[in-house]
Amino acid sequence: MIAGKWKPLILYFVAQDGPTRYGQLRRAVRDVSDKMLIQQLKELEADGLVKRTDYKEIPPRVDYSLTPLGRSLAEALVPLCSWGTENMAEVTRVFALRGALNSKGL
């Protein structure tokens, strides 16, 4: 349900900000393409983690919020986020090493 790079980040930002407009998510989840963000939001909605509310207004206004299932998953991810924050230096070092090995074709 949260496979990939973007879904945990999307859940994190929607959990932090409550109902979140698409533009807010686009700015918060840096480096994601519009196509990928839309795809990930549709999958999260189909899986029952995110609720999409379309206000049927001109100009269009849509926001995203967590369902109860999405909220419980976001809470379960908090320890993982804490681990990532506490180990950021080591994770960065490992990724740099991996990148160097990949660039040498190993």
PDB file of N, CA and C in Angstrom:
ATOM      1  N   MET A   1       0.807  -1.204   0.000  1.00  0.00           N
ATOM      2  CA  MET A   1       0.000   0.000   0.000  1.00  0.00           C
ATOM      3  C   MET A   1       0.851   1.270   0.000  1.00  0.00           C
ATOM      4  N   ILE A   2       2.057   1.175   0.503  1.00  0.00           N
ATOM      5  CA  ILE A   2       2.918   2.360   0.529  1.00  0.00           C
ATOM      6  C   ILE A   2       4.244   2.087  -0.167  1.00  0.00           C
ATOM      7  N   ALA A   3       4.218   1.158  -1.118  1.00  0.00           N
ATOM      8  CA  ALA A   3       5.446   0.851  -1.852  1.00  0.00           C
ATOM      9  C   ALA A   3       5.908   2.071  -2.627  1.00  0.00           C
ATOM     10  N   GLY A   4       7.196   2.197  -2.718  1.00  0.00           N
ATOM     11  CA  GLY A   4       7.757   3.272  -3.509  1.00  0.00           C
ATOM     12  C   GLY A   4       8.249   4.435  -2.673  1.00  0.00           C
ATOM     13  N   LYS A   5       8.739   5.404  -3.385  1.00  0.00           N
ATOM     14  CA  LYS A   5       9.412   6.544  -2.785  1.00  0.00           C
ATOM     15  C   LYS A   5       8.451   7.621  -2.294  1.00  0.00           C
ATOM     16  N   TRP A   6       7.318   7.795  -2.971  1.00  0.00           N
ATOM     17  CA  TRP A   6       6.494   8.978  -2.753  1.00  0.00           C
ATOM     18  C   TRP A   6       5.346   8.791  -1.772  1.00  0.00           C
ATOM     19  N   LYS A   7       4.766   7.607  -1.708  1.00  0.00           N
ATOM     20  CA  LYS A   7       3.573   7.425  -0.874  1.00  0.00           C
ATOM     21  C   LYS A   7       3.806   7.733   0.606  1.00  0.00           C
ATOM     22  N   PRO A   8       4.903   7.269   1.207  1.00  0.00           N
ATOM     23  CA  PRO A   8       5.118   7.646   2.614  1.00  0.00           C
ATOM     24  C   PRO A   8       5.222   9.158   2.804  1.00  0.00           C
ATOM     25  N   LEU A   9       5.854   9.840   1.859  1.00  0.00           N
ATOM     26  CA  LEU A   9       5.970  11.295   1.958  1.00  0.00           C
ATOM     27  C   LEU A   9       4.611  11.970   1.821  1.00  0.00           C
ATOM     28  N   ILE A  10       3.809  11.485   0.892  1.00  0.00           N
ATOM     29  CA  ILE A  10       2.470  12.045   0.718  1.00  0.00           C
ATOM     30  C   ILE A  10       1.669  11.868   1.995  1.00  0.00           C
ATOM     31  N   LEU A  11       1.686  10.668   2.549  1.00  0.00           N
ATOM     32  CA  LEU A  11       0.964  10.411   3.806  1.00  0.00           C
ATOM     33  C   LEU A  11       1.467  11.323   4.916  1.00  0.00           C
ATOM     34  N   TYR A  12       2.769  11.494   4.986  1.00  0.00           N
ATOM     35  CA  TYR A  12       3.355  12.343   6.024  1.00  0.00           C
ATOM     36  C   TYR A  12       2.817  13.770   5.919  1.00  0.00           C
ATOM     37  N   PHE A  13       2.866  14.341   4.721  1.00  0.00           N
ATOM     38  CA  PHE A  13       2.452  15.735   4.572  1.00  0.00           C
ATOM     39  C   PHE A  13       0.952  15.920   4.753  1.00  0.00           C
ATOM     40  N   VAL A  14       0.158  14.971   4.302  1.00  0.00           N
ATOM     41  CA  VAL A  14      -1.288  15.085   4.515  1.00  0.00           C
ATOM     42  C   VAL A  14      -1.598  14.934   6.003  1.00  0.00           C
ATOM     43  N   ALA A  15      -0.871  14.068   6.695  1.00  0.00           N
ATOM     44  CA  ALA A  15      -1.082  13.891   8.138  1.00  0.00           C
ATOM     45  C   ALA A  15      -0.699  15.151   8.907  1.00  0.00           C
ATOM     46  N   GLN A  16       0.348  15.838   8.470  1.00  0.00           N
ATOM     47  CA  GLN A  16       0.813  17.039   9.168  1.00  0.00           C
ATOM     48  C   GLN A  16      -0.146  18.207   9.010  1.00  0.00           C
ATOM     49  N   ASP A  17      -0.658  18.373   7.804  1.00  0.00           N
ATOM     50  CA  ASP A  17      -1.388  19.583   7.467  1.00  0.00           C
ATOM     51  C   ASP A  17      -2.904  19.417   7.449  1.00  0.00           C
ATOM     52  N   GLY A  18      -3.411  18.219   7.702  1.00  0.00           N
ATOM     53  CA  GLY A  18      -4.852  18.023   7.588  1.00  0.00           C
ATOM     54  C   GLY A  18      -5.248  18.073   6.128  1.00  0.00           C
ATOM     55  N   PRO A  19      -6.480  18.459   5.828  1.00  0.00           N
ATOM     56  CA  PRO A  19      -6.864  18.527   4.415  1.00  0.00           C
ATOM     57  C   PRO A  19      -5.863  19.395   3.642  1.00  0.00           C
ATOM     58  N   THR A  20      -5.323  18.812   2.581  1.00  0.00           N
ATOM     59  CA  THR A  20      -4.228  19.431   1.858  1.00  0.00           C
ATOM     60  C   THR A  20      -4.585  19.560   0.387  1.00  0.00           C
ATOM     61  N   ARG A  21      -4.395  20.725  -0.154  1.00  0.00           N
ATOM     62  CA  ARG A  21      -4.667  20.940  -1.574  1.00  0.00           C
ATOM     63  C   ARG A  21      -3.525  20.377  -2.406  1.00  0.00           C
ATOM     64  N   TYR A  22      -3.834  20.086  -3.663  1.00  0.00           N
ATOM     65  CA  TYR A  22      -2.849  19.487  -4.556  1.00  0.00           C
ATOM     66  C   TYR A  22      -1.587  20.346  -4.650  1.00  0.00           C
ATOM     67  N   GLY A  23      -1.744  21.637  -4.827  1.00  0.00           N
ATOM     68  CA  GLY A  23      -0.590  22.529  -4.955  1.00  0.00           C
ATOM     69  C   GLY A  23       0.317  22.491  -3.737  1.00  0.00           C
ATOM     70  N   GLN A  24      -0.286  22.393  -2.542  1.00  0.00           N
ATOM     71  CA  GLN A  24       0.515  22.281  -1.313  1.00  0.00           C
ATOM     72  C   GLN A  24       1.346  21.004  -1.337  1.00  0.00           C
ATOM     73  N   LEU A  25       0.704  19.897  -1.755  1.00  0.00           N
ATOM     74  CA  LEU A  25       1.429  18.625  -1.825  1.00  0.00           C
ATOM     75  C   LEU A  25       2.551  18.698  -2.853  1.00  0.00           C
ATOM     76  N   ARG A  26       2.275  19.310  -3.977  1.00  0.00           N
ATOM     77  CA  ARG A  26       3.274  19.419  -5.045  1.00  0.00           C
ATOM     78  C   ARG A  26       4.508  20.163  -4.551  1.00  0.00           C
ATOM     79  N   ARG A  27       4.299  21.209  -3.764  1.00  0.00           N
ATOM     80  CA  ARG A  27       5.439  21.964  -3.219  1.00  0.00           C
ATOM     81  C   ARG A  27       6.141  21.185  -2.100  1.00  0.00           C
ATOM     82  N   ALA A  28       5.382  20.457  -1.296  1.00  0.00           N
ATOM     83  CA  ALA A  28       5.951  19.738  -0.151  1.00  0.00           C
ATOM     84  C   ALA A  28       6.759  18.514  -0.587  1.00  0.00           C
ATOM     85  N   VAL A  29       6.223  17.774  -1.551  1.00  0.00           N
ATOM     86  CA  VAL A  29       6.891  16.557  -2.030  1.00  0.00           C
ATOM     87  C   VAL A  29       7.779  16.975  -3.205  1.00  0.00           C
ATOM     88  N   ARG A  30       8.913  17.519  -2.888  1.00  0.00           N
ATOM     89  CA  ARG A  30       9.820  18.048  -3.903  1.00  0.00           C
ATOM     90  C   ARG A  30      10.330  16.953  -4.821  1.00  0.00           C
ATOM     91  N   ASP A  31      10.599  17.314  -6.052  1.00  0.00           N
ATOM     92  CA  ASP A  31      11.186  16.444  -7.075  1.00  0.00           C
ATOM     93  C   ASP A  31      10.228  15.406  -7.656  1.00  0.00           C
ATOM     94  N   VAL A  32       8.982  15.366  -7.211  1.00  0.00           N
ATOM     95  CA  VAL A  32       8.023  14.440  -7.805  1.00  0.00           C
ATOM     96  C   VAL A  32       7.383  15.127  -9.012  1.00  0.00           C
ATOM     97  N   SER A  33       7.174  14.361 -10.082  1.00  0.00           N
ATOM     98  CA  SER A  33       6.516  14.924 -11.257  1.00  0.00           C
ATOM     99  C   SER A  33       5.005  14.985 -11.006  1.00  0.00           C
ATOM    100  N   ASP A  34       4.326  15.837 -11.754  1.00  0.00           N
ATOM    101  CA  ASP A  34       2.863  15.915 -11.628  1.00  0.00           C
ATOM    102  C   ASP A  34       2.228  14.564 -11.924  1.00  0.00           C
ATOM    103  N   LYS A  35       2.691  13.919 -12.980  1.00  0.00           N
ATOM    104  CA  LYS A  35       2.141  12.613 -13.364  1.00  0.00           C
ATOM    105  C   LYS A  35       2.267  11.606 -12.222  1.00  0.00           C
ATOM    106  N   MET A  36       3.443  11.541 -11.614  1.00  0.00           N
ATOM    107  CA  MET A  36       3.679  10.583 -10.531  1.00  0.00           C
ATOM    108  C   MET A  36       2.847  10.926  -9.301  1.00  0.00           C
ATOM    109  N   LEU A  37       2.774  12.204  -8.945  1.00  0.00           N
ATOM    110  CA  LEU A  37       1.998  12.603  -7.776  1.00  0.00           C
ATOM    111  C   LEU A  37       0.527  12.257  -7.964  1.00  0.00           C
ATOM    112  N   ILE A  38      -0.013  12.555  -9.135  1.00  0.00           N
ATOM    113  CA  ILE A  38      -1.418  12.224  -9.413  1.00  0.00           C
ATOM    114  C   ILE A  38      -1.638  10.723  -9.342  1.00  0.00           C
ATOM    115  N   GLN A  39      -0.733   9.952  -9.928  1.00  0.00           N
ATOM    116  CA  GLN A  39      -0.846   8.488  -9.904  1.00  0.00           C
ATOM    117  C   GLN A  39      -0.816   7.962  -8.462  1.00  0.00           C
ATOM    118  N   GLN A  40       0.121   8.456  -7.674  1.00  0.00           N
ATOM    119  CA  GLN A  40       0.253   7.997  -6.296  1.00  0.00           C
ATOM    120  C   GLN A  40      -0.979   8.366  -5.474  1.00  0.00           C
ATOM    121  N   LEU A  41      -1.507   9.567  -5.675  1.00  0.00           N
ATOM    122  CA  LEU A  41      -2.723   9.986  -4.957  1.00  0.00           C
ATOM    123  C   LEU A  41      -3.906   9.107  -5.337  1.00  0.00           C
ATOM    124  N   LYS A  42      -4.033   8.774  -6.621  1.00  0.00           N
ATOM    125  CA  LYS A  42      -5.127   7.896  -7.063  1.00  0.00           C
ATOM    126  C   LYS A  42      -5.010   6.512  -6.426  1.00  0.00           C
ATOM    127  N   GLU A  43      -3.778   5.992  -6.339  1.00  0.00           N
ATOM    128  CA  GLU A  43      -3.575   4.680  -5.723  1.00  0.00           C
ATOM    129  C   GLU A  43      -3.877   4.720  -4.230  1.00  0.00           C
ATOM    130  N   LEU A  44      -3.443   5.770  -3.551  1.00  0.00           N
ATOM    131  CA  LEU A  44      -3.732   5.899  -2.123  1.00  0.00           C
ATOM    132  C   LEU A  44      -5.237   6.020  -1.883  1.00  0.00           C
ATOM    133  N   GLU A  45      -5.925   6.719  -2.776  1.00  0.00           N
ATOM    134  CA  GLU A  45      -7.379   6.835  -2.660  1.00  0.00           C
ATOM    135  C   GLU A  45      -8.047   5.489  -2.917  1.00  0.00           C
ATOM    136  N   ALA A  46      -7.613   4.775  -3.947  1.00  0.00           N
ATOM    137  CA  ALA A  46      -8.182   3.461  -4.268  1.00  0.00           C
ATOM    138  C   ALA A  46      -7.962   2.458  -3.142  1.00  0.00           C
ATOM    139  N   ASP A  47      -6.848   2.594  -2.424  1.00  0.00           N
ATOM    140  CA  ASP A  47      -6.540   1.693  -1.313  1.00  0.00           C
ATOM    141  C   ASP A  47      -7.221   2.098  -0.011  1.00  0.00           C
ATOM    142  N   GLY A  48      -7.953   3.209  -0.034  1.00  0.00           N
ATOM    143  CA  GLY A  48      -8.697   3.626   1.153  1.00  0.00           C
ATOM    144  C   GLY A  48      -7.873   4.345   2.198  1.00  0.00           C
ATOM    145  N   LEU A  49      -6.716   4.883   1.801  1.00  0.00           N
ATOM    146  CA  LEU A  49      -5.851   5.592   2.753  1.00  0.00           C
ATOM    147  C   LEU A  49      -6.064   7.102   2.713  1.00  0.00           C
ATOM    148  N   VAL A  50      -6.456   7.598   1.559  1.00  0.00           N
ATOM    149  CA  VAL A  50      -6.635   9.034   1.349  1.00  0.00           C
ATOM    150  C   VAL A  50      -8.034   9.278   0.797  1.00  0.00           C
ATOM    151  N   LYS A  51      -8.652  10.345   1.261  1.00  0.00           N
ATOM    152  CA  LYS A  51      -9.964  10.759   0.763  1.00  0.00           C
ATOM    153  C   LYS A  51      -9.775  12.015  -0.074  1.00  0.00           C
ATOM    154  N   ARG A  52     -10.319  12.014  -1.278  1.00  0.00           N
ATOM    155  CA  ARG A  52     -10.256  13.169  -2.179  1.00  0.00           C
ATOM    156  C   ARG A  52     -11.605  13.877  -2.129  1.00  0.00           C
ATOM    157  N   THR A  53     -11.570  15.163  -1.839  1.00  0.00           N
ATOM    158  CA  THR A  53     -12.800  15.956  -1.792  1.00  0.00           C
ATOM    159  C   THR A  53     -12.747  16.994  -2.903  1.00  0.00           C
ATOM    160  N   ASP A  54     -13.705  16.884  -3.833  1.00  0.00           N
ATOM    161  CA  ASP A  54     -13.828  17.832  -4.937  1.00  0.00           C
ATOM    162  C   ASP A  54     -14.990  18.758  -4.604  1.00  0.00           C
ATOM    163  N   TYR A  55     -14.712  20.045  -4.477  1.00  0.00           N
ATOM    164  CA  TYR A  55     -15.722  21.015  -4.063  1.00  0.00           C
ATOM    165  C   TYR A  55     -16.574  21.518  -5.219  1.00  0.00           C
ATOM    166  N   LYS A  56     -16.310  21.039  -6.440  1.00  0.00           N
ATOM    167  CA  LYS A  56     -17.105  21.402  -7.622  1.00  0.00           C
ATOM    168  C   LYS A  56     -17.236  22.913  -7.772  1.00  0.00           C
ATOM    169  N   GLU A  57     -16.107  23.613  -7.625  1.00  0.00           N
ATOM    170  CA  GLU A  57     -16.098  25.065  -7.743  1.00  0.00           C
ATOM    171  C   GLU A  57     -15.288  25.492  -8.956  1.00  0.00           C
ATOM    172  N   ILE A  58     -15.494  26.729  -9.353  1.00  0.00           N
ATOM    173  CA  ILE A  58     -14.687  27.351 -10.382  1.00  0.00           C
ATOM    174  C   ILE A  58     -13.964  28.515  -9.725  1.00  0.00           C
ATOM    175  N   PRO A  59     -12.653  28.606  -9.712  1.00  0.00           N
ATOM    176  CA  PRO A  59     -11.725  27.605 -10.221  1.00  0.00           C
ATOM    177  C   PRO A  59     -11.783  26.327  -9.386  1.00  0.00           C
ATOM    178  N   PRO A  60     -11.328  25.212  -9.985  1.00  0.00           N
ATOM    179  CA  PRO A  60     -11.415  23.921  -9.291  1.00  0.00           C
ATOM    180  C   PRO A  60     -10.703  23.939  -7.936  1.00  0.00           C
ATOM    181  N   ARG A  61     -11.342  23.316  -6.961  1.00  0.00           N
ATOM    182  CA  ARG A  61     -10.738  23.187  -5.633  1.00  0.00           C
ATOM    183  C   ARG A  61     -10.914  21.737  -5.178  1.00  0.00           C
ATOM    184  N   VAL A  62      -9.791  21.084  -4.943  1.00  0.00           N
ATOM    185  CA  VAL A  62      -9.772  19.685  -4.501  1.00  0.00           C
ATOM    186  C   VAL A  62      -8.801  19.605  -3.339  1.00  0.00           C
ATOM    187  N   ASP A  63      -9.147  18.839  -2.310  1.00  0.00           N
ATOM    188  CA  ASP A  63      -8.164  18.589  -1.261  1.00  0.00           C
ATOM    189  C   ASP A  63      -8.162  17.124  -0.886  1.00  0.00           C
ATOM    190  N   TYR A  64      -7.108  16.762  -0.182  1.00  0.00           N
ATOM    191  CA  TYR A  64      -6.872  15.376   0.215  1.00  0.00           C
ATOM    192  C   TYR A  64      -6.724  15.323   1.731  1.00  0.00           C
ATOM    193  N   SER A  65      -7.327  14.300   2.331  1.00  0.00           N
ATOM    194  CA  SER A  65      -7.200  14.086   3.765  1.00  0.00           C
ATOM    195  C   SER A  65      -7.043  12.582   4.006  1.00  0.00           C
ATOM    196  N   LEU A  66      -6.603  12.242   5.200  1.00  0.00           N
ATOM    197  CA  LEU A  66      -6.431  10.826   5.533  1.00  0.00           C
ATOM    198  C   LEU A  66      -7.749  10.233   6.000  1.00  0.00           C
ATOM    199  N   THR A  67      -7.991   9.002   5.602  1.00  0.00           N
ATOM    200  CA  THR A  67      -9.100   8.232   6.143  1.00  0.00           C
ATOM    201  C   THR A  67      -8.647   7.697   7.503  1.00  0.00           C
ATOM    202  N   PRO A  68      -9.539   7.117   8.282  1.00  0.00           N
ATOM    203  CA  PRO A  68      -9.085   6.495   9.542  1.00  0.00           C
ATOM    204  C   PRO A  68      -7.987   5.450   9.313  1.00  0.00           C
ATOM    205  N   LEU A  69      -8.107   4.672   8.240  1.00  0.00           N
ATOM    206  CA  LEU A  69      -7.069   3.682   7.935  1.00  0.00           C
ATOM    207  C   LEU A  69      -5.750   4.376   7.596  1.00  0.00           C
ATOM    208  N   GLY A  70      -5.818   5.445   6.826  1.00  0.00           N
ATOM    209  CA  GLY A  70      -4.625   6.202   6.476  1.00  0.00           C
ATOM    210  C   GLY A  70      -3.984   6.845   7.692  1.00  0.00           C
ATOM    211  N   ARG A  71      -4.817   7.342   8.604  1.00  0.00           N
ATOM    212  CA  ARG A  71      -4.305   7.963   9.826  1.00  0.00           C
ATOM    213  C   ARG A  71      -3.559   6.935  10.670  1.00  0.00           C
ATOM    214  N   SER A  72      -4.126   5.722  10.782  1.00  0.00           N
ATOM    215  CA  SER A  72      -3.456   4.697  11.592  1.00  0.00           C
ATOM    216  C   SER A  72      -2.137   4.270  10.945  1.00  0.00           C
ATOM    217  N   LEU A  73      -2.095   4.227   9.618  1.00  0.00           N
ATOM    218  CA  LEU A  73      -0.838   3.900   8.933  1.00  0.00           C
ATOM    219  C   LEU A  73       0.186   5.007   9.137  1.00  0.00           C
ATOM    220  N   ALA A  74      -0.246   6.263   9.035  1.00  0.00           N
ATOM    221  CA  ALA A  74       0.673   7.391   9.248  1.00  0.00           C
ATOM    222  C   ALA A  74       1.264   7.334  10.653  1.00  0.00           C
ATOM    223  N   GLU A  75       0.449   6.990  11.641  1.00  0.00           N
ATOM    224  CA  GLU A  75       0.948   6.871  13.015  1.00  0.00           C
ATOM    225  C   GLU A  75       1.961   5.738  13.140  1.00  0.00           C
ATOM    226  N   ALA A  76       1.740   4.655  12.393  1.00  0.00           N
ATOM    227  CA  ALA A  76       2.670   3.526  12.428  1.00  0.00           C
ATOM    228  C   ALA A  76       4.005   3.880  11.781  1.00  0.00           C
ATOM    229  N   LEU A  77       4.012   4.863  10.880  1.00  0.00           N
ATOM    230  CA  LEU A  77       5.241   5.266  10.196  1.00  0.00           C
ATOM    231  C   LEU A  77       6.098   6.225  11.013  1.00  0.00           C
ATOM    232  N   VAL A  78       5.554   6.798  12.082  1.00  0.00           N
ATOM    233  CA  VAL A  78       6.294   7.765  12.895  1.00  0.00           C
ATOM    234  C   VAL A  78       7.621   7.191  13.398  1.00  0.00           C
ATOM    235  N   PRO A  79       7.659   5.977  13.953  1.00  0.00           N
ATOM    236  CA  PRO A  79       8.956   5.443  14.398  1.00  0.00           C
ATOM    237  C   PRO A  79       9.960   5.292  13.252  1.00  0.00           C
ATOM    238  N   LEU A  80       9.486   4.929  12.073  1.00  0.00           N
ATOM    239  CA  LEU A  80      10.375   4.807  10.920  1.00  0.00           C
ATOM    240  C   LEU A  80      10.943   6.171  10.537  1.00  0.00           C
ATOM    241  N   CYS A  81      10.108   7.201  10.571  1.00  0.00           N
ATOM    242  CA  CYS A  81      10.580   8.564  10.287  1.00  0.00           C
ATOM    243  C   CYS A  81      11.612   9.005  11.317  1.00  0.00           C
ATOM    244  N   SER A  82      11.368   8.668  12.576  1.00  0.00           N
ATOM    245  CA  SER A  82      12.321   9.015  13.639  1.00  0.00           C
ATOM    246  C   SER A  82      13.654   8.319  13.405  1.00  0.00           C
ATOM    247  N   TRP A  83      13.602   7.041  13.018  1.00  0.00           N
ATOM    248  CA  TRP A  83      14.829   6.296  12.733  1.00  0.00           C
ATOM    249  C   TRP A  83      15.593   6.975  11.602  1.00  0.00           C
ATOM    250  N   GLY A  84      14.882   7.363  10.540  1.00  0.00           N
ATOM    251  CA  GLY A  84      15.526   8.017   9.410  1.00  0.00           C
ATOM    252  C   GLY A  84      16.190   9.316   9.812  1.00  0.00           C
ATOM    253  N   THR A  85      15.525  10.086  10.634  1.00  0.00           N
ATOM    254  CA  THR A  85      16.083  11.357  11.097  1.00  0.00           C
ATOM    255  C   THR A  85      17.330  11.132  11.942  1.00  0.00           C
ATOM    256  N   GLU A  86      17.258  10.162  12.842  1.00  0.00           N
ATOM    257  CA  GLU A  86      18.384   9.879  13.736  1.00  0.00           C
ATOM    258  C   GLU A  86      19.591   9.317  12.991  1.00  0.00           C
ATOM    259  N   ASN A  87      19.361   8.660  11.864  1.00  0.00           N
ATOM    260  CA  ASN A  87      20.436   7.997  11.132  1.00  0.00           C
ATOM    261  C   ASN A  87      20.723   8.634   9.774  1.00  0.00           C
ATOM    262  N   MET A  88      20.320   9.883   9.606  1.00  0.00           N
ATOM    263  CA  MET A  88      20.447  10.561   8.312  1.00  0.00           C
ATOM    264  C   MET A  88      21.887  10.569   7.798  1.00  0.00           C
ATOM    265  N   ALA A  89      22.851  10.822   8.647  1.00  0.00           N
ATOM    266  CA  ALA A  89      24.250  10.883   8.207  1.00  0.00           C
ATOM    267  C   ALA A  89      24.698   9.534   7.643  1.00  0.00           C
ATOM    268  N   GLU A  90      24.380   8.469   8.335  1.00  0.00           N
ATOM    269  CA  GLU A  90      24.788   7.133   7.881  1.00  0.00           C
ATOM    270  C   GLU A  90      24.053   6.739   6.602  1.00  0.00           C
ATOM    271  N   VAL A  91      22.774   7.037   6.525  1.00  0.00           N
ATOM    272  CA  VAL A  91      22.002   6.719   5.325  1.00  0.00           C
ATOM    273  C   VAL A  91      22.560   7.492   4.130  1.00  0.00           C
ATOM    274  N   THR A  92      22.900   8.754   4.320  1.00  0.00           N
ATOM    275  CA  THR A  92      23.486   9.570   3.258  1.00  0.00           C
ATOM    276  C   THR A  92      24.817   8.978   2.807  1.00  0.00           C
ATOM    277  N   ARG A  93      25.615   8.531   3.761  1.00  0.00           N
ATOM    278  CA  ARG A  93      26.904   7.916   3.431  1.00  0.00           C
ATOM    279  C   ARG A  93      26.709   6.646   2.610  1.00  0.00           C
ATOM    280  N   VAL A  94      25.763   5.808   2.997  1.00  0.00           N
ATOM    281  CA  VAL A  94      25.496   4.552   2.283  1.00  0.00           C
ATOM    282  C   VAL A  94      25.023   4.837   0.860  1.00  0.00           C
ATOM    283  N   PHE A  95      24.116   5.810   0.694  1.00  0.00           N
ATOM    284  CA  PHE A  95      23.628   6.155  -0.644  1.00  0.00           C
ATOM    285  C   PHE A  95      24.752   6.708  -1.513  1.00  0.00           C
ATOM    286  N   ALA A  96      25.647   7.516  -0.936  1.00  0.00           N
ATOM    287  CA  ALA A  96      26.770   8.059  -1.695  1.00  0.00           C
ATOM    288  C   ALA A  96      27.699   6.930  -2.141  1.00  0.00           C
ATOM    289  N   LEU A  97      27.959   5.987  -1.254  1.00  0.00           N
ATOM    290  CA  LEU A  97      28.806   4.843  -1.585  1.00  0.00           C
ATOM    291  C   LEU A  97      28.157   4.010  -2.691  1.00  0.00           C
ATOM    292  N   ARG A  98      26.877   3.770  -2.577  1.00  0.00           N
ATOM    293  CA  ARG A  98      26.148   2.997  -3.581  1.00  0.00           C
ATOM    294  C   ARG A  98      26.206   3.719  -4.924  1.00  0.00           C
ATOM    295  N   GLY A  99      26.017   5.030  -4.915  1.00  0.00           N
ATOM    296  CA  GLY A  99      26.087   5.799  -6.155  1.00  0.00           C
ATOM    297  C   GLY A  99      27.452   5.717  -6.802  1.00  0.00           C
ATOM    298  N   ALA A 100      28.491   5.779  -5.978  1.00  0.00           N
ATOM    299  CA  ALA A 100      29.856   5.687  -6.499  1.00  0.00           C
ATOM    300  C   ALA A 100      30.107   4.317  -7.111  1.00  0.00           C
ATOM    301  N   LEU A 101      29.636   3.273  -6.470  1.00  0.00           N
ATOM    302  CA  LEU A 101      29.805   1.915  -7.013  1.00  0.00           C
ATOM    303  C   LEU A 101      29.029   1.742  -8.301  1.00  0.00           C
ATOM    304  N   ASN A 102      27.831   2.267  -8.361  1.00  0.00           N
ATOM    305  CA  ASN A 102      27.013   2.152  -9.572  1.00  0.00           C
ATOM    306  C   ASN A 102      27.646   2.902 -10.741  1.00  0.00           C
ATOM    307  N   SER A 103      28.263   4.057 -10.465  1.00  0.00           N
ATOM    308  CA  SER A 103      28.876   4.834 -11.541  1.00  0.00           C
ATOM    309  C   SER A 103      30.125   4.133 -12.100  1.00  0.00           C
ATOM    310  N   LYS A 104      30.724   3.241 -11.296  1.00  0.00           N
ATOM    311  CA  LYS A 104      31.887   2.471 -11.760  1.00  0.00           C
ATOM    312  C   LYS A 104      31.471   1.170 -12.414  1.00  0.00           C
ATOM    313  N   GLY A 105      30.155   0.896 -12.413  1.00  0.00           N
ATOM    314  CA  GLY A 105      29.667  -0.323 -13.053  1.00  0.00           C
ATOM    315  C   GLY A 105      29.815  -1.574 -12.200  1.00  0.00           C
ATOM    316  N   LEU A 106      29.958  -1.403 -10.904  1.00  0.00           N
ATOM    317  CA  LEU A 106      30.105  -2.571 -10.025  1.00  0.00           C
ATOM    318  C   LEU A 106      28.771  -3.041  -9.506  1.00  0.00           C
TER     319      LEU A 106
END
